[in-house]
Protein backbone atom coordinates (compact mmCIF):
# COMPACT_ATOMS: atom_id res chain seq x y z
CA MET A 1 9.53 9.05 -18.79
CA ARG A 2 6.33 9.95 -19.76
CA PHE A 3 5.52 14.10 -19.52
CA LEU A 4 1.60 15.10 -20.35
CA SER A 5 0.31 18.43 -20.80
CA LEU A 6 -2.11 19.34 -18.50
CA SER A 7 -5.12 18.94 -20.78
CA ALA A 8 -3.92 15.32 -21.92
CA ARG A 9 -3.40 14.73 -17.99
CA LEU A 10 -6.65 16.19 -17.09
CA PRO A 11 -9.10 16.43 -19.70
CA ALA A 12 -12.64 17.92 -18.63
CA THR A 13 -14.72 15.05 -18.53
CA LEU A 14 -15.48 14.69 -14.87
CA ALA A 15 -18.65 14.92 -13.22
CA ALA A 16 -19.54 17.95 -11.62
CA LEU A 17 -18.89 18.80 -7.83
CA THR A 18 -21.78 20.69 -5.93
CA LEU A 19 -21.16 24.42 -6.70
CA SER A 20 -22.02 27.69 -5.11
CA ALA A 21 -25.40 29.46 -6.42
CA GLY A 22 -25.47 30.76 -9.65
CA ALA A 23 -22.37 28.51 -10.87
CA ALA A 24 -23.35 26.41 -13.91
CA ARG A 25 -22.32 22.74 -13.53
CA ALA A 26 -20.98 22.05 -16.54
CA GLU A 27 -18.84 25.47 -16.61
CA PHE A 28 -16.44 25.29 -13.53
CA LEU A 29 -15.25 22.24 -11.49
CA VAL A 30 -13.12 21.70 -8.56
CA HIS A 31 -11.31 18.15 -8.24
CA PRO A 32 -12.80 16.18 -5.04
CA LEU A 33 -9.60 16.32 -3.50
CA PHE A 34 -10.17 19.63 -2.78
CA THR A 35 -13.69 19.28 -0.58
CA ASP A 36 -14.56 20.39 3.18
CA HIS A 37 -12.59 18.64 6.03
CA GLY A 38 -9.59 17.77 3.63
CA VAL A 39 -5.98 17.95 4.27
CA LEU A 40 -3.31 19.99 2.44
CA GLN A 41 0.25 18.73 2.42
CA GLN A 42 2.71 20.79 4.07
CA GLU A 43 6.40 22.45 3.27
CA MET A 44 5.85 21.57 -0.63
CA PRO A 45 3.90 23.46 -3.40
CA VAL A 46 0.42 22.28 -3.68
CA PRO A 47 -1.45 22.11 -7.24
CA VAL A 48 -5.11 22.87 -6.83
CA TRP A 49 -6.96 22.39 -10.25
CA GLY A 50 -10.14 21.73 -11.94
CA TRP A 51 -12.21 22.79 -14.90
CA ALA A 52 -13.74 25.25 -16.53
CA ASP A 53 -14.51 26.78 -19.98
CA PRO A 54 -11.23 27.56 -21.90
CA GLY A 55 -9.87 30.87 -21.31
CA THR A 56 -11.52 31.21 -17.89
CA SER A 57 -9.44 33.06 -15.43
CA VAL A 58 -9.60 31.44 -12.16
CA THR A 59 -8.60 32.72 -8.92
CA VAL A 60 -7.49 30.51 -5.65
CA GLU A 61 -6.97 32.16 -2.40
CA PHE A 62 -5.96 30.22 1.08
CA ALA A 63 -3.83 31.31 4.08
CA GLY A 64 -3.38 34.51 2.90
CA GLN A 65 -1.82 33.23 -0.62
CA LYS A 66 -3.51 34.33 -3.83
CA LYS A 67 -2.85 32.45 -7.16
CA GLU A 68 -4.25 33.36 -10.48
CA ALA A 69 -4.90 30.43 -13.25
CA THR A 70 -6.40 30.45 -16.40
CA ALA A 71 -8.11 27.36 -18.18
CA ASP A 72 -6.16 25.94 -21.21
CA ASP A 73 -7.68 24.81 -24.35
CA GLY A 74 -9.16 21.73 -22.85
CA GLY A 75 -10.56 23.49 -20.09
CA VAL A 76 -8.05 22.60 -17.55
CA TRP A 77 -6.74 25.42 -14.77
CA MET A 78 -4.26 24.59 -12.13
CA ALA A 79 -2.81 27.05 -9.77
CA ILE A 80 -0.06 26.04 -7.24
CA LEU A 81 0.11 27.24 -3.36
CA ASP A 82 3.55 28.00 -2.26
CA PRO A 83 4.54 25.66 0.52
CA LEU A 84 2.50 25.70 3.57
CA LYS A 85 2.86 25.39 7.44
CA ALA A 86 1.54 23.11 9.36
CA SER A 87 -1.65 23.88 11.02
CA ALA A 88 -4.58 22.46 12.91
CA GLU A 89 -6.59 25.65 12.83
CA PRO A 90 -9.34 24.90 10.37
CA ALA A 91 -8.85 27.24 7.24
CA THR A 92 -11.08 28.01 4.23
CA LEU A 93 -10.03 27.67 0.57
CA THR A 94 -11.59 29.98 -2.01
CA ILE A 95 -12.03 29.07 -5.57
CA SER A 96 -13.31 31.87 -8.01
CA GLY A 97 -13.80 31.56 -12.03
CA GLY A 98 -16.21 33.82 -13.97
CA GLU A 99 -19.56 33.84 -12.04
CA ALA A 100 -18.50 30.90 -10.08
CA LYS A 101 -17.43 30.79 -6.31
CA VAL A 102 -16.49 27.51 -4.73
CA THR A 103 -15.52 27.77 -0.97
CA VAL A 104 -14.05 24.88 0.79
CA SER A 105 -14.31 24.91 4.28
CA ASP A 106 -12.42 23.18 7.50
CA LEU A 107 -9.01 22.44 5.66
CA LEU A 108 -5.96 21.55 7.95
CA VAL A 109 -2.51 21.43 6.80
CA GLY A 110 -0.09 18.27 7.61
CA GLU A 111 0.88 14.96 5.78
CA VAL A 112 -0.73 13.87 3.49
CA TRP A 113 -0.12 9.86 2.40
CA VAL A 114 -1.74 7.36 0.07
CA CYS A 115 -2.65 3.89 1.50
CA SER A 116 -2.88 1.13 -1.69
CA GLY A 117 -2.95 -2.37 -2.15
CA GLN A 118 -4.98 -5.49 -1.97
CA SER A 119 -7.58 -6.67 0.80
CA ASN A 120 -5.14 -6.48 3.77
CA MET A 121 -5.09 -2.51 3.34
CA ALA A 122 -8.43 -2.22 2.40
CA PHE A 123 -9.24 -4.36 5.50
CA ALA A 124 -11.48 -1.85 7.59
CA THR A 125 -10.69 -0.74 10.90
CA GLY A 126 -14.13 -1.96 12.14
CA GLY A 127 -13.22 -5.41 11.72
CA SER A 128 -9.49 -5.07 13.55
CA THR A 129 -8.81 -6.23 17.06
CA ASP A 130 -8.93 -2.63 18.46
CA ALA A 131 -12.31 -1.78 16.60
CA ASP A 132 -14.08 -0.76 19.86
CA ALA A 133 -11.70 1.37 21.48
CA MET A 134 -11.03 3.11 18.01
CA SER A 135 -14.82 3.76 17.68
CA ALA A 136 -14.76 5.12 21.39
CA GLU A 137 -12.25 7.41 20.67
CA ALA A 138 -13.41 8.84 17.75
CA ALA A 139 -16.77 9.29 19.58
CA GLU A 140 -14.56 11.40 21.87
CA GLY A 141 -13.11 13.24 18.90
CA LYS A 142 -9.70 12.29 19.67
CA PHE A 143 -9.24 12.18 15.91
CA ALA A 144 -10.09 15.25 14.96
CA GLN A 145 -6.57 15.93 13.39
CA ILE A 146 -6.82 13.02 10.91
CA ARG A 147 -9.13 13.18 7.93
CA LEU A 148 -10.35 10.35 5.63
CA PHE A 149 -10.54 10.34 1.67
CA LYS A 150 -11.60 6.62 0.10
CA VAL A 151 -11.47 6.10 -3.23
CA PRO A 152 -14.08 3.90 -4.77
CA VAL A 153 -13.15 0.62 -6.46
CA ASP A 154 -13.69 0.76 -10.35
CA GLY A 155 -11.12 -0.47 -13.12
CA LYS A 156 -10.85 1.48 -16.41
CA ASP A 157 -8.61 0.92 -19.76
CA GLU A 158 -8.11 4.74 -20.05
CA ARG A 159 -6.92 7.04 -17.36
CA GLN A 160 -9.69 8.94 -15.76
CA THR A 161 -9.39 12.48 -13.86
CA THR A 162 -11.43 12.21 -11.10
CA VAL A 163 -13.16 10.02 -8.48
CA ASN A 164 -16.23 10.06 -6.55
CA ALA A 165 -15.42 10.94 -3.02
CA ALA A 166 -14.79 13.31 -0.63
CA TRP A 167 -12.89 14.00 2.56
CA GLN A 168 -14.39 13.18 5.51
CA THR A 169 -13.45 13.34 9.42
CA CYS A 170 -13.06 10.87 11.98
CA ALA A 171 -16.82 9.91 13.06
CA PRO A 172 -16.87 6.22 14.41
CA GLU A 173 -18.89 4.89 11.34
CA THR A 174 -15.98 6.66 8.77
CA VAL A 175 -13.16 5.20 10.94
CA ALA A 176 -14.91 1.83 11.18
CA ARG A 177 -15.05 1.73 7.02
CA PHE A 178 -11.40 3.28 6.55
CA THR A 179 -8.51 1.12 5.79
CA ALA A 180 -7.26 -0.33 9.45
CA ALA A 181 -3.29 -0.58 8.43
CA GLY A 182 -3.57 2.79 7.12
CA PHE A 183 -5.77 4.38 9.92
CA TYR A 184 -3.46 3.20 12.60
CA PHE A 185 -0.65 4.67 10.67
CA GLY A 186 -2.22 8.01 10.70
CA ARG A 187 -3.25 7.91 14.22
CA ALA A 188 0.65 6.72 15.45
CA LEU A 189 2.07 9.67 13.35
CA ASN A 190 -0.34 12.32 14.07
CA GLU A 191 0.30 11.37 18.01
CA ALA A 192 4.15 11.54 17.03
CA ARG A 193 4.47 14.42 14.76
CA LYS A 194 2.03 16.46 16.38
CA VAL A 195 0.41 17.98 12.96
CA PRO A 196 -2.91 17.08 10.96
CA VAL A 197 -2.73 13.95 8.89
CA GLY A 198 -4.67 12.95 5.79
CA LEU A 199 -5.19 9.51 4.53
CA ILE A 200 -6.15 8.66 0.94
CA GLN A 201 -7.37 4.85 0.69
CA SER A 202 -7.16 3.47 -2.81
CA ALA A 203 -7.01 -0.38 -2.17
CA ASN A 204 -9.03 -3.31 -3.71
CA GLY A 205 -8.86 -6.92 -2.24
CA GLY A 206 -7.57 -9.81 -4.51
CA THR A 207 -5.88 -7.49 -6.59
CA ASN A 208 -2.22 -8.51 -8.53
CA ALA A 209 0.28 -5.72 -8.45
CA ASN A 210 -0.36 -5.59 -12.49
CA SER A 211 -3.61 -4.22 -11.59
CA TRP A 212 -1.89 -0.69 -10.14
CA ILE A 213 0.71 -0.34 -12.70
CA ASN A 214 0.77 2.16 -15.80
CA ARG A 215 -0.39 0.56 -19.16
CA ASP A 216 2.95 1.50 -21.06
CA THR A 217 5.11 -0.06 -18.54
CA LEU A 218 2.78 -3.34 -18.44
CA ASP A 219 3.23 -3.28 -22.33
CA ASN A 220 6.89 -2.64 -22.50
CA ASP A 221 9.10 -3.03 -19.47
CA PRO A 222 10.79 -6.06 -19.07
CA ALA A 223 9.94 -6.56 -15.23
CA ALA A 224 6.42 -6.83 -16.53
CA ALA A 225 7.20 -9.86 -19.20
CA VAL A 226 5.82 -12.55 -16.81
CA THR A 227 2.94 -10.23 -15.86
CA ARG A 228 1.95 -10.41 -19.95
CA GLU A 229 2.73 -13.60 -20.58
CA ALA A 230 0.55 -14.83 -17.76
CA TRP A 231 -2.16 -12.20 -18.59
CA LYS A 232 -2.45 -13.40 -22.35
CA GLN A 233 -3.11 -16.82 -21.07
CA THR A 234 -5.56 -15.63 -18.72
CA VAL A 235 -7.56 -13.98 -21.53
CA ALA A 236 -7.09 -16.95 -23.80
CA ALA A 237 -8.79 -19.07 -21.04
CA HIS A 238 -11.29 -16.75 -20.33
CA PRO A 239 -14.30 -17.83 -22.80
CA GLN A 240 -13.82 -20.99 -21.26
CA ALA A 241 -13.51 -19.80 -17.83
CA MET A 242 -16.84 -18.00 -17.99
CA GLU A 243 -18.57 -21.01 -19.25
CA ARG A 244 -17.76 -23.10 -15.95
CA HIS A 245 -18.47 -19.68 -14.17
CA GLN A 246 -21.95 -19.54 -15.18
CA LYS A 247 -22.52 -23.19 -14.64
CA ALA A 248 -21.10 -22.58 -10.90
CA LEU A 249 -23.09 -19.54 -10.62
CA GLU A 250 -26.70 -21.32 -11.66
CA ALA A 251 -25.95 -24.14 -9.09
CA TRP A 252 -25.20 -21.49 -6.63
CA LYS A 253 -28.32 -19.85 -7.31
CA ALA A 254 -30.27 -23.11 -7.22
CA GLU A 255 -28.55 -24.00 -3.90
CA VAL A 256 -29.82 -20.58 -2.31
CA LYS A 257 -33.51 -20.93 -3.59
CA ALA A 258 -33.51 -24.25 -2.14
CA ALA A 259 -32.10 -23.59 1.14
CA LYS A 260 -34.62 -20.49 1.43
CA ALA A 261 -37.24 -22.83 0.98
CA GLU A 262 -36.06 -25.40 3.29
CA GLY A 263 -35.29 -22.78 5.84
CA ARG A 264 -31.71 -23.67 6.21
CA GLU A 265 -28.79 -21.35 6.15
CA VAL A 266 -26.91 -20.90 3.01
CA LYS A 267 -22.90 -21.50 3.15
CA GLY A 268 -20.29 -20.20 1.43
CA ARG A 269 -20.39 -17.42 -0.95
CA ALA A 270 -21.47 -17.01 -4.70
CA PRO A 271 -18.44 -17.88 -6.89
CA ARG A 272 -16.25 -15.16 -8.07
CA GLU A 273 -16.35 -14.18 -11.71
CA PRO A 274 -12.97 -15.41 -13.19
CA LEU A 275 -10.28 -12.56 -14.58
CA GLY A 276 -10.73 -11.44 -18.18
CA PRO A 277 -10.29 -8.43 -20.28
CA ASP A 278 -13.36 -6.68 -18.58
CA HIS A 279 -12.73 -7.36 -15.01
CA VAL A 280 -12.58 -4.71 -12.86
CA LYS A 281 -8.88 -6.04 -11.47
CA ARG A 282 -7.38 -6.31 -15.34
CA PRO A 283 -3.93 -5.18 -15.30
CA ALA A 284 -3.75 -0.98 -15.33
CA GLY A 285 -7.21 -0.87 -14.50
CA HIS A 286 -6.74 0.23 -10.48
CA TYR A 287 -4.17 2.56 -11.86
CA ASN A 288 -6.20 4.30 -14.67
CA ALA A 289 -9.11 4.56 -12.06
CA MET A 290 -7.56 4.69 -8.43
CA ILE A 291 -4.31 6.21 -8.94
CA ALA A 292 -4.03 8.33 -11.90
CA PRO A 293 -7.26 10.63 -10.74
CA LEU A 294 -5.32 11.48 -7.56
CA GLN A 295 -2.33 12.99 -9.56
CA PRO A 296 -0.75 15.34 -9.08
CA CYS A 297 -2.23 15.84 -5.44
CA ALA A 298 0.57 16.92 -3.29
CA ILE A 299 1.55 13.80 -0.84
CA ARG A 300 4.52 13.15 1.47
CA GLY A 301 4.34 9.38 0.37
CA ALA A 302 2.56 6.01 0.04
CA LEU A 303 2.02 3.00 1.84
CA TRP A 304 1.66 -0.54 0.14
CA TYR A 305 0.36 -3.94 1.43
CA GLN A 306 -0.31 -6.30 -1.17
CA GLY A 307 1.76 -9.30 -2.32
CA GLU A 308 -0.71 -12.28 -1.36
CA ALA A 309 -1.83 -12.11 -5.04
CA ASN A 310 1.42 -12.26 -6.12
CA SER A 311 2.80 -14.80 -3.84
CA ARG A 312 2.61 -17.75 -6.42
CA PRO A 313 4.92 -18.77 -9.58
CA PRO A 314 5.33 -17.07 -11.84
CA TYR A 315 5.01 -13.75 -9.84
CA ALA A 316 6.62 -14.57 -6.51
CA PRO A 317 10.09 -14.42 -8.05
CA GLN A 318 10.07 -11.30 -9.89
CA TYR A 319 7.95 -9.29 -7.47
CA LYS A 320 10.78 -6.86 -6.52
CA ASP A 321 11.37 -5.80 -10.42
CA LEU A 322 7.39 -5.55 -10.76
CA MET A 323 7.16 -3.13 -7.85
CA PHE A 324 10.03 -0.96 -8.83
CA ALA A 325 8.36 -0.68 -12.16
CA LEU A 326 5.19 0.66 -10.22
CA VAL A 327 6.90 2.52 -7.98
CA GLU A 328 9.03 4.27 -11.10
CA ASP A 329 5.16 4.56 -12.48
CA TRP A 330 3.85 6.33 -9.58
CA ARG A 331 6.89 8.96 -9.17
CA ALA A 332 7.42 9.61 -12.63
CA ASP A 333 3.39 10.13 -13.34
CA TRP A 334 2.77 12.24 -10.12
CA THR A 335 3.89 15.59 -11.45
CA ALA A 336 4.50 15.04 -14.87
CA GLY A 337 3.71 18.10 -16.65
CA VAL A 338 2.83 20.33 -13.81
CA PRO A 339 4.79 23.66 -14.40
CA GLY A 340 7.44 24.50 -11.63
CA ILE A 341 7.16 20.96 -10.03
CA GLU A 342 9.66 18.61 -10.10
CA ARG A 343 9.54 15.08 -9.89
CA ARG A 344 9.46 13.77 -6.41
CA ASP A 345 11.02 10.15 -5.45
CA PHE A 346 8.33 10.26 -2.45
CA PRO A 347 8.75 7.52 0.14
CA PHE A 348 7.03 3.99 -0.68
CA TYR A 349 6.77 1.68 2.18
CA LEU A 350 5.51 -1.45 2.22
CA VAL A 351 4.04 -4.53 4.41
CA GLN A 352 6.15 -7.73 4.21
CA LEU A 353 3.49 -10.54 4.41
CA PRO A 354 2.50 -11.73 7.65
CA ASN A 355 2.41 -15.40 8.89
CA PHE A 356 -0.16 -17.47 7.25
CA ALA A 357 -0.56 -21.32 7.40
CA GLY A 358 -2.52 -21.10 4.20
CA GLY A 359 0.29 -19.27 2.04
CA ASP A 360 2.08 -20.95 -0.71
CA PRO A 361 5.04 -22.59 1.42
CA ARG A 362 7.36 -21.83 -1.30
CA GLY A 363 6.31 -18.80 -2.65
CA TRP A 364 5.49 -16.68 0.97
CA PRO A 365 9.24 -17.17 1.94
CA VAL A 366 10.23 -15.70 -1.61
CA ILE A 367 7.78 -12.79 -1.81
CA ARG A 368 8.83 -11.84 1.57
CA GLU A 369 12.30 -11.84 0.42
CA GLN A 370 11.76 -10.05 -2.50
CA MET A 371 9.89 -7.35 -0.35
CA LEU A 372 13.29 -7.19 1.91
CA LYS A 373 15.23 -6.61 -1.40
CA PHE A 374 12.72 -3.99 -2.36
CA TRP A 375 13.87 -1.82 0.50
CA GLN A 376 17.39 -2.76 0.74
CA GLU A 377 17.99 -2.17 -3.40
CA GLY A 378 15.19 0.69 -3.55
CA ARG A 379 15.62 4.29 -3.91
CA ASN A 380 13.73 5.93 -0.86
CA THR A 381 11.61 2.37 -0.06
CA GLY A 382 11.17 0.81 3.11
CA MET A 383 9.35 -2.28 4.58
CA VAL A 384 8.20 -3.54 8.06
CA THR A 385 8.13 -7.35 9.44
CA THR A 386 4.70 -8.69 10.12
CA ILE A 387 5.35 -12.52 10.79
CA ASP A 388 4.18 -11.79 14.42
CA VAL A 389 1.07 -10.39 14.17
CA GLY A 390 -0.63 -12.81 11.60
CA ASP A 391 -3.46 -15.32 11.94
CA PRO A 392 -2.17 -18.76 10.94
CA GLY A 393 -5.97 -19.82 9.93
CA ASP A 394 -6.97 -16.17 8.22
CA ILE A 395 -5.37 -14.57 5.57
CA HIS A 396 -6.75 -11.24 6.67
CA PRO A 397 -5.54 -11.31 10.45
CA ARG A 398 -7.46 -8.83 12.63
CA ASN A 399 -4.69 -7.22 14.69
CA LYS A 400 -3.65 -4.23 12.05
CA LYS A 401 -2.74 -1.65 14.80
CA PRO A 402 0.96 -3.09 14.98
CA VAL A 403 0.76 -3.30 11.27
CA GLY A 404 0.01 1.02 11.13
CA GLU A 405 2.31 1.89 14.00
CA ARG A 406 5.31 -0.15 12.60
CA LEU A 407 4.93 1.76 9.52
CA ALA A 408 4.63 4.97 11.18
CA ARG A 409 7.90 4.29 13.35
CA PHE A 410 9.34 3.43 9.70
CA ALA A 411 8.36 6.92 8.58
CA ARG A 412 9.25 8.81 11.71
CA ALA A 413 12.93 7.82 10.99
CA ALA A 414 13.13 7.37 7.59
CA THR A 415 10.75 9.99 6.11
CA TYR A 416 10.91 12.74 9.29
CA GLY A 417 14.65 12.45 10.52
CA GLU A 418 14.14 11.18 14.02
CA ASP A 419 16.63 9.28 15.69
CA ILE A 420 14.87 6.19 16.60
CA VAL A 421 15.38 2.69 16.08
CA TYR A 422 12.54 1.99 12.99
CA SER A 423 13.48 -1.72 12.20
CA GLY A 424 14.15 -5.19 13.55
CA PRO A 425 17.41 -7.02 12.57
CA ILE A 426 17.95 -7.27 8.90
CA TYR A 427 20.65 -9.89 7.91
CA ASP A 428 23.85 -8.47 6.99
CA SER A 429 26.75 -11.40 6.53
CA VAL A 430 27.66 -14.93 7.30
CA SER A 431 31.07 -16.51 7.92
CA ILE A 432 32.04 -20.04 8.80
CA GLU A 433 33.87 -20.49 12.02
CA GLY A 434 34.92 -24.06 13.34
CA GLY A 435 31.77 -25.77 11.91
CA LYS A 436 29.23 -22.77 12.84
CA ALA A 437 27.66 -20.05 11.02
CA VAL A 438 28.27 -16.69 12.39
CA LEU A 439 25.67 -13.74 11.28
CA LYS A 440 25.94 -10.38 11.37
CA PHE A 441 23.24 -7.78 11.29
CA LYS A 442 22.09 -4.36 10.56
CA HIS A 443 19.47 -2.65 12.69
CA ALA A 444 20.42 -4.26 15.99
CA GLY A 445 19.12 -1.47 17.84
CA GLY A 446 20.31 -1.39 21.36
CA GLY A 447 21.21 -5.34 20.82
CA LEU A 448 19.87 -8.90 19.61
CA LYS A 449 17.66 -10.41 21.88
CA SER A 450 14.83 -13.06 22.23
CA ARG A 451 11.53 -11.52 23.28
CA ASP A 452 10.60 -14.37 25.42
CA GLY A 453 13.70 -15.70 27.14
CA GLN A 454 13.61 -18.85 24.96
CA PRO A 455 16.26 -20.04 22.41
CA LEU A 456 15.89 -18.38 19.18
CA ARG A 457 13.41 -20.56 16.92
CA HIS A 458 12.75 -20.99 13.31
CA PHE A 459 16.84 -21.00 12.20
CA GLN A 460 17.82 -23.71 9.72
CA VAL A 461 21.13 -24.61 8.33
CA ALA A 462 22.42 -26.55 5.54
CA GLY A 463 25.40 -28.51 3.92
CA ALA A 464 26.87 -28.85 0.48
CA ASP A 465 23.46 -31.13 0.06
CA GLY A 466 21.23 -28.29 0.46
CA ARG A 467 19.14 -30.16 2.74
CA PHE A 468 18.17 -28.01 5.65
CA VAL A 469 17.55 -29.11 9.20
CA GLU A 470 16.33 -27.41 12.52
CA ALA A 471 19.53 -25.50 14.04
CA GLU A 472 20.53 -23.95 17.48
CA ALA A 473 21.05 -20.26 17.35
CA ALA A 474 22.63 -18.55 19.94
CA ILE A 475 23.29 -14.76 20.77
CA SER A 476 26.87 -14.05 20.77
CA GLY A 477 27.54 -10.23 21.22
CA ASP A 478 26.59 -8.51 18.32
CA GLY A 479 25.74 -11.66 16.12
CA ILE A 480 24.16 -15.04 16.01
CA VAL A 481 25.86 -18.37 16.25
CA VAL A 482 23.84 -21.06 13.99
CA SER A 483 24.93 -24.49 14.34
CA SER A 484 23.68 -28.43 14.19
CA PRO A 485 25.20 -31.78 14.76
CA ASP A 486 23.81 -32.69 11.58
CA VAL A 487 25.53 -30.33 9.45
CA PRO A 488 29.14 -30.33 10.29
CA GLU A 489 30.10 -28.24 7.71
CA PRO A 490 27.35 -25.48 7.37
CA ARG A 491 26.75 -23.65 3.83
CA ALA A 492 23.66 -21.78 4.16
CA VAL A 493 21.29 -20.63 7.14
CA ARG A 494 17.78 -19.62 6.67
CA TYR A 495 15.58 -17.80 8.94
CA ALA A 496 11.64 -18.23 9.53
CA TRP A 497 11.86 -19.55 5.78
CA SER A 498 8.01 -20.81 5.94
CA ASN A 499 4.77 -19.78 5.21
CA ASN A 500 3.67 -19.59 8.72
CA PRO A 501 6.60 -19.20 11.40
CA GLU A 502 4.68 -19.69 14.57
CA ASN A 503 5.72 -17.28 17.58
CA PRO A 504 9.16 -15.54 16.13
CA ASN A 505 10.90 -14.22 18.86
CA PHE A 506 14.26 -12.80 17.48
CA VAL A 507 14.12 -9.08 18.15
CA ASN A 508 16.41 -6.24 18.83
CA ALA A 509 16.14 -4.45 22.07
CA GLU A 510 13.28 -2.11 20.75
CA ASP A 511 11.29 -5.52 20.41
CA LEU A 512 11.48 -4.92 16.60
CA LEU A 513 11.03 -8.64 15.00
CA ALA A 514 13.97 -9.78 12.29
CA SER A 515 12.93 -9.98 8.93
CA PRO A 516 13.06 -13.56 7.44
CA PHE A 517 16.06 -14.13 5.19
CA ARG A 518 18.34 -16.69 3.82
CA THR A 519 22.22 -16.43 3.16
CA ASP A 520 21.82 -18.68 0.33
CA SER A 521 21.01 -17.80 -3.53
CA TRP A 522 20.14 -21.56 -4.27
CA GLU A 523 17.38 -21.69 -6.83
CA ILE A 524 13.86 -22.56 -5.76
CA ASP A 525 12.62 -25.69 -7.15
CA TRP A 526 8.85 -24.60 -7.92
CA ASN A 527 7.91 -28.04 -8.99
CA ALA A 528 9.10 -30.00 -6.21
CA PRO A 529 6.55 -31.25 -3.58
CA ALA A 530 5.71 -28.42 -0.98
CA PRO A 531 7.60 -29.02 2.04
């Protein structure tokens, strides 16, 4: 796809890190991914890179290895460590160049995952249901093998090479500020795999997936055509939108001033600035400022929790293809131009949107279906279902622990090869027998069941007229039989096909919830009144 020289990928323009005594700040720099308390990825080559005067000889030493590199004409140097074995024993990385020497302490070797997306990935552990318990465990030192790297929110038009961040240990305050879904994933993975885990948070609320995609793809890929047209309209309307915003902002400021003078509480928030050419969330902006600077860090894979901003037309129906383009970008760019390291189609697992009463009643089922197809049709992709742990009244549900734990369970099987059931039932096929629809499923695990022993909820059936009605659903062996006296000749079945399916109970014996699905491919009428 796109192959860059090291100098093109990593121009020497980043702010300096703190170096050892005698080192000139402008002469010898190390990427902030190599700071105290970090985690290096096990079982694969590990690039270590930075910047120096062209021609500078650099020596990198770690765990008995000694690698040499030379800064190229653009000032970029890179050494590649041979694959490392997992180790929870703190180790030191030493990097020398000219008269400069950088010592990075307390490094562990284990599993490194990137955690990206919008607000539900950015949602901090301190706001989650289990926040107090996590704070107490962190204070007791139970997370010594989990390390955190949080990328600041930024958006740029050009690829950046660095971020203003550093690795941190899991103190109560650092855990509280870190992505909850990502942290609970790391906690569960560390408990199961018994190796250190490094988590890199790169997320921002309210972002469309187009913020996280390479500019070349946005400009040229057919999958981004809808995004291109929508953004063109946004830019054209931006001047008028800013005029309205300024008026609303002035009114807000006046209200705040009056409220303070009268001693009353200010309700609501200041109006948000509308999207536009310079907005931090503009297309490709987060990719350039928050993803590109991480490349080519050795990672195991990526976790993704996003989609709310893509859940309405025109975005929802093409979300799968847009995500395939995004994943292709990340994988192709990650190690492009790095000598001796081939492209890795690393795991990319996403969170299917939870239940939420305020979600678009047509768009949320469609984007959940798109997410399921992303898993089913993708290469080394995955998905976890969460329609039982959302909050009907809040788009940011606090119960993030099951989300992270389900992602970890998926990774344990799909990435690490553990022989465990890692998904709830996934629709496979349907046949019509005697006026009833008989459904078969993959990932049935130890068998299909009702979580609470009550009849299965949220099944609907329709005949040729396309009118769906509530249906009875009964478990029969390894399948589900769906029927309704109002539909003697069923043509299609849907399950949990709504924005907020309340208290779903269709699970497998491992208590993993079935994903929403439909057996039909009937076109969605986006202009019809919402159900």
